Amino acid sequence: MSDVEDVGEARGGRSLHQLRVREWVGGAINSVGRNDAHVVSSVFDIHETDAGIPVKPTRKFTVVGRMAAAETRLHYNVVYRFSTVGDAITIKAPRL
């Protein structure tokens, strides 16, 4: 497992703790037309309550690879939001 850094308390009107992982937490990178794609930077932050319930994870990472004989760099910024943590959910099959 990657090292987890306690960044401190987050702002926003309630007590949230910010934890950070600077290593890529994920599998192999697959990109159409880019078989040499790889992650060159990654920051994964998790904001959680005093009880350890995740509220808002964010992930920022950069992928580099070659496309059409030129190096291509893609930057991603992903924000996840959780609500009603602990409540049961129903996942319905999609209509075909």
PDB file of N, CA and C in Angstrom:
ATOM      1  N   MET A   1       0.843  -1.197   0.000  1.00  0.00           N
ATOM      2  CA  MET A   1       0.000   0.000   0.000  1.00  0.00           C
ATOM      3  C   MET A   1       0.874   1.240   0.000  1.00  0.00           C
ATOM      4  N   SER A   2       0.410   2.273  -0.608  1.00  0.00           N
ATOM      5  CA  SER A   2       1.130   3.535  -0.679  1.00  0.00           C
ATOM      6  C   SER A   2       1.141   4.231   0.672  1.00  0.00           C
ATOM      7  N   ASP A   3       2.121   5.096   0.868  1.00  0.00           N
ATOM      8  CA  ASP A   3       2.172   5.890   2.088  1.00  0.00           C
ATOM      9  C   ASP A   3       1.041   6.913   2.084  1.00  0.00           C
ATOM     10  N   VAL A   4       0.348   7.012   3.209  1.00  0.00           N
ATOM     11  CA  VAL A   4      -0.749   7.973   3.366  1.00  0.00           C
ATOM     12  C   VAL A   4      -0.250   9.113   4.229  1.00  0.00           C
ATOM     13  N   GLU A   5      -0.432  10.327   3.741  1.00  0.00           N
ATOM     14  CA  GLU A   5       0.010  11.540   4.438  1.00  0.00           C
ATOM     15  C   GLU A   5      -1.210  12.247   5.008  1.00  0.00           C
ATOM     16  N   ASP A   6      -1.168  12.611   6.288  1.00  0.00           N
ATOM     17  CA  ASP A   6      -2.244  13.391   6.897  1.00  0.00           C
ATOM     18  C   ASP A   6      -1.944  14.855   6.630  1.00  0.00           C
ATOM     19  N   VAL A   7      -2.707  15.466   5.729  1.00  0.00           N
ATOM     20  CA  VAL A   7      -2.473  16.847   5.321  1.00  0.00           C
ATOM     21  C   VAL A   7      -3.023  17.834   6.347  1.00  0.00           C
ATOM     22  N   GLY A   8      -3.976  17.385   7.172  1.00  0.00           N
ATOM     23  CA  GLY A   8      -4.549  18.245   8.199  1.00  0.00           C
ATOM     24  C   GLY A   8      -6.037  18.387   8.034  1.00  0.00           C
ATOM     25  N   GLU A   9      -6.604  19.292   8.813  1.00  0.00           N
ATOM     26  CA  GLU A   9      -8.049  19.500   8.747  1.00  0.00           C
ATOM     27  C   GLU A   9      -8.418  20.349   7.548  1.00  0.00           C
ATOM     28  N   ALA A  10      -9.534  20.000   6.948  1.00  0.00           N
ATOM     29  CA  ALA A  10     -10.031  20.732   5.791  1.00  0.00           C
ATOM     30  C   ALA A  10     -10.993  21.812   6.249  1.00  0.00           C
ATOM     31  N   ARG A  11     -11.217  22.780   5.390  1.00  0.00           N
ATOM     32  CA  ARG A  11     -12.132  23.874   5.691  1.00  0.00           C
ATOM     33  C   ARG A  11     -13.525  23.535   5.191  1.00  0.00           C
ATOM     34  N   GLY A  12     -14.445  24.406   5.397  1.00  0.00           N
ATOM     35  CA  GLY A  12     -15.781  24.215   4.851  1.00  0.00           C
ATOM     36  C   GLY A  12     -16.884  24.134   5.882  1.00  0.00           C
ATOM     37  N   GLY A  13     -16.673  24.601   7.088  1.00  0.00           N
ATOM     38  CA  GLY A  13     -17.742  24.654   8.064  1.00  0.00           C
ATOM     39  C   GLY A  13     -17.915  23.403   8.906  1.00  0.00           C
ATOM     40  N   ARG A  14     -17.231  22.338   8.574  1.00  0.00           N
ATOM     41  CA  ARG A  14     -17.283  21.146   9.413  1.00  0.00           C
ATOM     42  C   ARG A  14     -15.893  20.522   9.474  1.00  0.00           C
ATOM     43  N   SER A  15     -15.669  19.727  10.472  1.00  0.00           N
ATOM     44  CA  SER A  15     -14.364  19.127  10.692  1.00  0.00           C
ATOM     45  C   SER A  15     -14.155  17.953   9.742  1.00  0.00           C
ATOM     46  N   LEU A  16     -13.337  18.151   8.734  1.00  0.00           N
ATOM     47  CA  LEU A  16     -12.967  17.086   7.807  1.00  0.00           C
ATOM     48  C   LEU A  16     -11.450  16.941   7.828  1.00  0.00           C
ATOM     49  N   HIS A  17     -10.982  15.726   7.736  1.00  0.00           N
ATOM     50  CA  HIS A  17      -9.554  15.465   7.688  1.00  0.00           C
ATOM     51  C   HIS A  17      -9.170  15.138   6.256  1.00  0.00           C
ATOM     52  N   GLN A  18      -8.032  15.662   5.826  1.00  0.00           N
ATOM     53  CA  GLN A  18      -7.565  15.446   4.463  1.00  0.00           C
ATOM     54  C   GLN A  18      -6.382  14.480   4.484  1.00  0.00           C
ATOM     55  N   LEU A  19      -6.560  13.337   3.829  1.00  0.00           N
ATOM     56  CA  LEU A  19      -5.496  12.351   3.696  1.00  0.00           C
ATOM     57  C   LEU A  19      -5.029  12.355   2.243  1.00  0.00           C
ATOM     58  N   ARG A  20      -3.732  12.118   2.022  1.00  0.00           N
ATOM     59  CA  ARG A  20      -3.177  12.215   0.666  1.00  0.00           C
ATOM     60  C   ARG A  20      -2.282  11.017   0.366  1.00  0.00           C
ATOM     61  N   VAL A  21      -2.431  10.507  -0.852  1.00  0.00           N
ATOM     62  CA  VAL A  21      -1.549   9.474  -1.388  1.00  0.00           C
ATOM     63  C   VAL A  21      -0.943  10.033  -2.663  1.00  0.00           C
ATOM     64  N   ARG A  22       0.394  10.029  -2.750  1.00  0.00           N
ATOM     65  CA  ARG A  22       1.074  10.611  -3.912  1.00  0.00           C
ATOM     66  C   ARG A  22       1.482   9.578  -4.956  1.00  0.00           C
ATOM     67  N   GLU A  23       1.261   8.301  -4.681  1.00  0.00           N
ATOM     68  CA  GLU A  23       1.561   7.262  -5.655  1.00  0.00           C
ATOM     69  C   GLU A  23       0.296   6.902  -6.405  1.00  0.00           C
ATOM     70  N   TRP A  24       0.425   6.376  -7.625  1.00  0.00           N
ATOM     71  CA  TRP A  24      -0.722   5.957  -8.419  1.00  0.00           C
ATOM     72  C   TRP A  24      -1.414   4.804  -7.717  1.00  0.00           C
ATOM     73  N   VAL A  25      -2.689   4.981  -7.431  1.00  0.00           N
ATOM     74  CA  VAL A  25      -3.495   3.942  -6.802  1.00  0.00           C
ATOM     75  C   VAL A  25      -4.490   3.479  -7.861  1.00  0.00           C
ATOM     76  N   GLY A  26      -4.089   2.550  -8.644  1.00  0.00           N
ATOM     77  CA  GLY A  26      -4.935   2.072  -9.727  1.00  0.00           C
ATOM     78  C   GLY A  26      -4.170   1.073 -10.564  1.00  0.00           C
ATOM     79  N   GLY A  27      -4.845   0.526 -11.525  1.00  0.00           N
ATOM     80  CA  GLY A  27      -4.241  -0.477 -12.379  1.00  0.00           C
ATOM     81  C   GLY A  27      -3.513   0.131 -13.553  1.00  0.00           C
ATOM     82  N   ALA A  28      -3.322  -0.695 -14.546  1.00  0.00           N
ATOM     83  CA  ALA A  28      -2.623  -0.267 -15.755  1.00  0.00           C
ATOM     84  C   ALA A  28      -3.446   0.776 -16.499  1.00  0.00           C
ATOM     85  N   ILE A  29      -2.757   1.658 -17.164  1.00  0.00           N
ATOM     86  CA  ILE A  29      -3.402   2.694 -17.971  1.00  0.00           C
ATOM     87  C   ILE A  29      -3.595   2.147 -19.381  1.00  0.00           C
ATOM     88  N   ASN A  30      -4.835   2.144 -19.839  1.00  0.00           N
ATOM     89  CA  ASN A  30      -5.139   1.723 -21.206  1.00  0.00           C
ATOM     90  C   ASN A  30      -5.714   2.914 -21.948  1.00  0.00           C
ATOM     91  N   SER A  31      -5.148   3.206 -23.106  1.00  0.00           N
ATOM     92  CA  SER A  31      -5.620   4.328 -23.889  1.00  0.00           C
ATOM     93  C   SER A  31      -5.616   3.930 -25.358  1.00  0.00           C
ATOM     94  N   VAL A  32      -6.713   4.196 -26.054  1.00  0.00           N
ATOM     95  CA  VAL A  32      -6.829   3.827 -27.457  1.00  0.00           C
ATOM     96  C   VAL A  32      -5.746   4.525 -28.263  1.00  0.00           C
ATOM     97  N   GLY A  33      -4.993   3.755 -29.017  1.00  0.00           N
ATOM     98  CA  GLY A  33      -3.955   4.326 -29.871  1.00  0.00           C
ATOM     99  C   GLY A  33      -2.687   4.713 -29.145  1.00  0.00           C
ATOM    100  N   ARG A  34      -2.600   4.414 -27.846  1.00  0.00           N
ATOM    101  CA  ARG A  34      -1.417   4.803 -27.073  1.00  0.00           C
ATOM    102  C   ARG A  34      -0.990   3.611 -26.219  1.00  0.00           C
ATOM    103  N   ASN A  35      -0.179   2.732 -26.764  1.00  0.00           N
ATOM    104  CA  ASN A  35       0.204   1.548 -26.011  1.00  0.00           C
ATOM    105  C   ASN A  35       1.329   1.812 -25.024  1.00  0.00           C
ATOM    106  N   ASP A  36       1.926   2.979 -25.063  1.00  0.00           N
ATOM    107  CA  ASP A  36       3.014   3.298 -24.131  1.00  0.00           C
ATOM    108  C   ASP A  36       2.575   4.279 -23.045  1.00  0.00           C
ATOM    109  N   ALA A  37       1.286   4.474 -22.867  1.00  0.00           N
ATOM    110  CA  ALA A  37       0.782   5.447 -21.889  1.00  0.00           C
ATOM    111  C   ALA A  37       1.180   5.049 -20.472  1.00  0.00           C
ATOM    112  N   HIS A  38       1.607   6.026 -19.690  1.00  0.00           N
ATOM    113  CA  HIS A  38       1.965   5.776 -18.297  1.00  0.00           C
ATOM    114  C   HIS A  38       1.727   7.025 -17.457  1.00  0.00           C
ATOM    115  N   VAL A  39       1.501   6.829 -16.168  1.00  0.00           N
ATOM    116  CA  VAL A  39       1.238   7.923 -15.234  1.00  0.00           C
ATOM    117  C   VAL A  39       2.570   8.543 -14.821  1.00  0.00           C
ATOM    118  N   VAL A  40       2.672   9.881 -14.931  1.00  0.00           N
ATOM    119  CA  VAL A  40       3.906  10.562 -14.523  1.00  0.00           C
ATOM    120  C   VAL A  40       3.727  11.359 -13.235  1.00  0.00           C
ATOM    121  N   SER A  41       2.487  11.646 -12.843  1.00  0.00           N
ATOM    122  CA  SER A  41       2.240  12.300 -11.555  1.00  0.00           C
ATOM    123  C   SER A  41       0.843  11.918 -11.078  1.00  0.00           C
ATOM    124  N   SER A  42       0.693  11.835  -9.754  1.00  0.00           N
ATOM    125  CA  SER A  42      -0.592  11.427  -9.201  1.00  0.00           C
ATOM    126  C   SER A  42      -0.728  11.946  -7.774  1.00  0.00           C
ATOM    127  N   VAL A  43      -1.882  12.557  -7.473  1.00  0.00           N
ATOM    128  CA  VAL A  43      -2.222  12.972  -6.113  1.00  0.00           C
ATOM    129  C   VAL A  43      -3.671  12.554  -5.874  1.00  0.00           C
ATOM    130  N   PHE A  44      -3.893  11.761  -4.827  1.00  0.00           N
ATOM    131  CA  PHE A  44      -5.227  11.285  -4.476  1.00  0.00           C
ATOM    132  C   PHE A  44      -5.523  11.755  -3.062  1.00  0.00           C
ATOM    133  N   ASP A  45      -6.448  12.700  -2.923  1.00  0.00           N
ATOM    134  CA  ASP A  45      -6.834  13.245  -1.624  1.00  0.00           C
ATOM    135  C   ASP A  45      -8.192  12.688  -1.215  1.00  0.00           C
ATOM    136  N   ILE A  46      -8.327  12.366   0.062  1.00  0.00           N
ATOM    137  CA  ILE A  46      -9.603  11.900   0.600  1.00  0.00           C
ATOM    138  C   ILE A  46      -9.952  12.780   1.797  1.00  0.00           C
ATOM    139  N   HIS A  47     -11.112  13.437   1.747  1.00  0.00           N
ATOM    140  CA  HIS A  47     -11.619  14.213   2.868  1.00  0.00           C
ATOM    141  C   HIS A  47     -12.593  13.328   3.630  1.00  0.00           C
ATOM    142  N   GLU A  48     -12.370  13.152   4.920  1.00  0.00           N
ATOM    143  CA  GLU A  48     -13.237  12.286   5.708  1.00  0.00           C
ATOM    144  C   GLU A  48     -13.596  12.935   7.036  1.00  0.00           C
ATOM    145  N   THR A  49     -14.683  12.431   7.637  1.00  0.00           N
ATOM    146  CA  THR A  49     -15.154  12.956   8.918  1.00  0.00           C
ATOM    147  C   THR A  49     -14.297  12.406  10.053  1.00  0.00           C
ATOM    148  N   ASP A  50     -14.548  12.901  11.269  1.00  0.00           N
ATOM    149  CA  ASP A  50     -13.838  12.392  12.447  1.00  0.00           C
ATOM    150  C   ASP A  50     -14.061  10.895  12.628  1.00  0.00           C
ATOM    151  N   ALA A  51     -15.211  10.381  12.146  1.00  0.00           N
ATOM    152  CA  ALA A  51     -15.535   8.963  12.270  1.00  0.00           C
ATOM    153  C   ALA A  51     -14.915   8.121  11.150  1.00  0.00           C
ATOM    154  N   GLY A  52     -14.173   8.765  10.224  1.00  0.00           N
ATOM    155  CA  GLY A  52     -13.527   8.036   9.141  1.00  0.00           C
ATOM    156  C   GLY A  52     -14.407   7.777   7.941  1.00  0.00           C
ATOM    157  N   ILE A  53     -15.528   8.495   7.834  1.00  0.00           N
ATOM    158  CA  ILE A  53     -16.432   8.320   6.700  1.00  0.00           C
ATOM    159  C   ILE A  53     -15.974   9.226   5.559  1.00  0.00           C
ATOM    160  N   PRO A  54     -15.703   8.649   4.373  1.00  0.00           N
ATOM    161  CA  PRO A  54     -15.247   9.473   3.245  1.00  0.00           C
ATOM    162  C   PRO A  54     -16.362  10.387   2.754  1.00  0.00           C
ATOM    163  N   VAL A  55     -16.005  11.636   2.480  1.00  0.00           N
ATOM    164  CA  VAL A  55     -16.978  12.623   2.014  1.00  0.00           C
ATOM    165  C   VAL A  55     -16.677  13.052   0.583  1.00  0.00           C
ATOM    166  N   LYS A  56     -15.403  13.382   0.303  1.00  0.00           N
ATOM    167  CA  LYS A  56     -15.050  13.874  -1.025  1.00  0.00           C
ATOM    168  C   LYS A  56     -13.618  13.485  -1.384  1.00  0.00           C
ATOM    169  N   PRO A  57     -13.432  12.409  -2.135  1.00  0.00           N
ATOM    170  CA  PRO A  57     -12.103  12.116  -2.665  1.00  0.00           C
ATOM    171  C   PRO A  57     -11.870  12.901  -3.954  1.00  0.00           C
ATOM    172  N   THR A  58     -10.655  13.320  -4.175  1.00  0.00           N
ATOM    173  CA  THR A  58     -10.278  13.959  -5.431  1.00  0.00           C
ATOM    174  C   THR A  58      -9.015  13.289  -5.950  1.00  0.00           C
ATOM    175  N   ARG A  59      -8.906  13.212  -7.239  1.00  0.00           N
ATOM    176  CA  ARG A  59      -7.736  12.591  -7.853  1.00  0.00           C
ATOM    177  C   ARG A  59      -7.268  13.482  -8.999  1.00  0.00           C
ATOM    178  N   LYS A  60      -5.984  13.833  -8.981  1.00  0.00           N
ATOM    179  CA  LYS A  60      -5.360  14.599 -10.067  1.00  0.00           C
ATOM    180  C   LYS A  60      -4.166  13.787 -10.543  1.00  0.00           C
ATOM    181  N   PHE A  61      -4.121  13.536 -11.855  1.00  0.00           N
ATOM    182  CA  PHE A  61      -2.991  12.781 -12.374  1.00  0.00           C
ATOM    183  C   PHE A  61      -2.720  13.160 -13.819  1.00  0.00           C
ATOM    184  N   THR A  62      -1.505  12.852 -14.258  1.00  0.00           N
ATOM    185  CA  THR A  62      -1.074  13.157 -15.612  1.00  0.00           C
ATOM    186  C   THR A  62      -0.579  11.874 -16.271  1.00  0.00           C
ATOM    187  N   VAL A  63      -1.042  11.647 -17.498  1.00  0.00           N
ATOM    188  CA  VAL A  63      -0.655  10.487 -18.286  1.00  0.00           C
ATOM    189  C   VAL A  63       0.119  10.976 -19.505  1.00  0.00           C
ATOM    190  N   VAL A  64       1.226  10.301 -19.808  1.00  0.00           N
ATOM    191  CA  VAL A  64       2.045  10.641 -20.968  1.00  0.00           C
ATOM    192  C   VAL A  64       2.146   9.410 -21.857  1.00  0.00           C
ATOM    193  N   GLY A  65       2.107   9.640 -23.153  1.00  0.00           N
ATOM    194  CA  GLY A  65       2.288   8.571 -24.135  1.00  0.00           C
ATOM    195  C   GLY A  65       2.484   9.186 -25.508  1.00  0.00           C
ATOM    196  N   ARG A  66       2.679   8.343 -26.499  1.00  0.00           N
ATOM    197  CA  ARG A  66       2.872   8.836 -27.857  1.00  0.00           C
ATOM    198  C   ARG A  66       1.602   8.600 -28.666  1.00  0.00           C
ATOM    199  N   MET A  67       1.230   9.615 -29.455  1.00  0.00           N
ATOM    200  CA  MET A  67       0.079   9.516 -30.341  1.00  0.00           C
ATOM    201  C   MET A  67       0.458  10.201 -31.639  1.00  0.00           C
ATOM    202  N   ALA A  68       0.294   9.505 -32.746  1.00  0.00           N
ATOM    203  CA  ALA A  68       0.664  10.042 -34.057  1.00  0.00           C
ATOM    204  C   ALA A  68       2.118  10.535 -34.047  1.00  0.00           C
ATOM    205  N   ALA A  69       2.995   9.730 -33.456  1.00  0.00           N
ATOM    206  CA  ALA A  69       4.444   9.981 -33.404  1.00  0.00           C
ATOM    207  C   ALA A  69       4.835  11.200 -32.567  1.00  0.00           C
ATOM    208  N   ALA A  70       3.917  11.736 -31.796  1.00  0.00           N
ATOM    209  CA  ALA A  70       4.240  12.882 -30.940  1.00  0.00           C
ATOM    210  C   ALA A  70       3.897  12.546 -29.497  1.00  0.00           C
ATOM    211  N   GLU A  71       4.734  13.037 -28.572  1.00  0.00           N
ATOM    212  CA  GLU A  71       4.414  12.830 -27.157  1.00  0.00           C
ATOM    213  C   GLU A  71       3.159  13.613 -26.810  1.00  0.00           C
ATOM    214  N   THR A  72       2.249  12.955 -26.117  1.00  0.00           N
ATOM    215  CA  THR A  72       0.988  13.574 -25.717  1.00  0.00           C
ATOM    216  C   THR A  72       0.879  13.501 -24.204  1.00  0.00           C
ATOM    217  N   ARG A  73       0.451  14.586 -23.597  1.00  0.00           N
ATOM    218  CA  ARG A  73       0.306  14.673 -22.145  1.00  0.00           C
ATOM    219  C   ARG A  73      -1.145  15.028 -21.831  1.00  0.00           C
ATOM    220  N   LEU A  74      -1.799  14.185 -21.029  1.00  0.00           N
ATOM    221  CA  LEU A  74      -3.185  14.417 -20.639  1.00  0.00           C
ATOM    222  C   LEU A  74      -3.250  14.630 -19.138  1.00  0.00           C
ATOM    223  N   HIS A  75      -3.962  15.678 -18.712  1.00  0.00           N
ATOM    224  CA  HIS A  75      -4.128  15.996 -17.296  1.00  0.00           C
ATOM    225  C   HIS A  75      -5.574  15.704 -16.902  1.00  0.00           C
ATOM    226  N   TYR A  76      -5.743  14.999 -15.793  1.00  0.00           N
ATOM    227  CA  TYR A  76      -7.067  14.634 -15.312  1.00  0.00           C
ATOM    228  C   TYR A  76      -7.304  15.234 -13.933  1.00  0.00           C
ATOM    229  N   ASN A  77      -8.532  15.674 -13.687  1.00  0.00           N
ATOM    230  CA  ASN A  77      -8.962  16.157 -12.378  1.00  0.00           C
ATOM    231  C   ASN A  77     -10.335  15.540 -12.114  1.00  0.00           C
ATOM    232  N   VAL A  78     -10.395  14.580 -11.190  1.00  0.00           N
ATOM    233  CA  VAL A  78     -11.624  13.837 -10.922  1.00  0.00           C
ATOM    234  C   VAL A  78     -12.076  14.124  -9.496  1.00  0.00           C
ATOM    235  N   VAL A  79     -13.368  14.445  -9.321  1.00  0.00           N
ATOM    236  CA  VAL A  79     -13.934  14.685  -7.993  1.00  0.00           C
ATOM    237  C   VAL A  79     -15.077  13.701  -7.780  1.00  0.00           C
ATOM    238  N   TYR A  80     -14.998  12.957  -6.686  1.00  0.00           N
ATOM    239  CA  TYR A  80     -16.059  12.027  -6.300  1.00  0.00           C
ATOM    240  C   TYR A  80     -16.829  12.665  -5.153  1.00  0.00           C
ATOM    241  N   ARG A  81     -18.139  12.514  -5.124  1.00  0.00           N
ATOM    242  CA  ARG A  81     -18.940  13.025  -4.014  1.00  0.00           C
ATOM    243  C   ARG A  81     -19.800  11.894  -3.469  1.00  0.00           C
ATOM    244  N   PHE A  82     -19.780  11.733  -2.150  1.00  0.00           N
ATOM    245  CA  PHE A  82     -20.568  10.699  -1.498  1.00  0.00           C
ATOM    246  C   PHE A  82     -21.704  11.351  -0.726  1.00  0.00           C
ATOM    247  N   SER A  83     -22.838  10.683  -0.697  1.00  0.00           N
ATOM    248  CA  SER A  83     -23.957  11.136   0.119  1.00  0.00           C
ATOM    249  C   SER A  83     -24.626   9.893   0.702  1.00  0.00           C
ATOM    250  N   THR A  84     -25.348  10.062   1.759  1.00  0.00           N
ATOM    251  CA  THR A  84     -26.044   8.971   2.452  1.00  0.00           C
ATOM    252  C   THR A  84     -25.154   7.746   2.639  1.00  0.00           C
ATOM    253  N   VAL A  85     -23.928   7.987   3.125  1.00  0.00           N
ATOM    254  CA  VAL A  85     -22.985   6.900   3.382  1.00  0.00           C
ATOM    255  C   VAL A  85     -23.576   5.966   4.425  1.00  0.00           C
ATOM    256  N   GLY A  86     -23.543   4.675   4.160  1.00  0.00           N
ATOM    257  CA  GLY A  86     -24.069   3.681   5.085  1.00  0.00           C
ATOM    258  C   GLY A  86     -25.485   3.239   4.762  1.00  0.00           C
ATOM    259  N   ASP A  87     -26.203   4.005   3.939  1.00  0.00           N
ATOM    260  CA  ASP A  87     -27.558   3.617   3.557  1.00  0.00           C
ATOM    261  C   ASP A  87     -27.508   2.566   2.448  1.00  0.00           C
ATOM    262  N   ALA A  88     -28.467   1.680   2.443  1.00  0.00           N
ATOM    263  CA  ALA A  88     -28.565   0.666   1.397  1.00  0.00           C
ATOM    264  C   ALA A  88     -28.913   1.319   0.068  1.00  0.00           C
ATOM    265  N   ILE A  89     -28.378   0.797  -1.027  1.00  0.00           N
ATOM    266  CA  ILE A  89     -28.710   1.295  -2.354  1.00  0.00           C
ATOM    267  C   ILE A  89     -29.143   0.123  -3.225  1.00  0.00           C
ATOM    268  N   THR A  90     -29.917   0.423  -4.247  1.00  0.00           N
ATOM    269  CA  THR A  90     -30.342  -0.577  -5.210  1.00  0.00           C
ATOM    270  C   THR A  90     -29.769  -0.200  -6.569  1.00  0.00           C
ATOM    271  N   ILE A  91     -29.068  -1.135  -7.180  1.00  0.00           N
ATOM    272  CA  ILE A  91     -28.511  -0.897  -8.518  1.00  0.00           C
ATOM    273  C   ILE A  91     -29.348  -1.719  -9.485  1.00  0.00           C
ATOM    274  N   LYS A  92     -30.020  -1.036 -10.399  1.00  0.00           N
ATOM    275  CA  LYS A  92     -30.882  -1.698 -11.354  1.00  0.00           C
ATOM    276  C   LYS A  92     -30.117  -1.983 -12.644  1.00  0.00           C
ATOM    277  N   ALA A  93     -30.433  -3.114 -13.255  1.00  0.00           N
ATOM    278  CA  ALA A  93     -29.811  -3.459 -14.530  1.00  0.00           C
ATOM    279  C   ALA A  93     -30.275  -2.472 -15.595  1.00  0.00           C
ATOM    280  N   PRO A  94     -29.379  -2.068 -16.496  1.00  0.00           N
ATOM    281  CA  PRO A  94     -29.785  -1.131 -17.550  1.00  0.00           C
ATOM    282  C   PRO A  94     -30.738  -1.795 -18.539  1.00  0.00           C
ATOM    283  N   ARG A  95     -31.579  -0.983 -19.163  1.00  0.00           N
ATOM    284  CA  ARG A  95     -32.486  -1.485 -20.186  1.00  0.00           C
ATOM    285  C   ARG A  95     -31.718  -1.643 -21.477  1.00  0.00           C
ATOM    286  N   LEU A  96     -31.931  -2.747 -22.139  1.00  0.00           N
ATOM    287  CA  LEU A  96     -31.242  -3.001 -23.407  1.00  0.00           C
ATOM    288  C   LEU A  96     -32.140  -2.737 -24.574  1.00  0.00           C
TER     289      LEU A  96
END
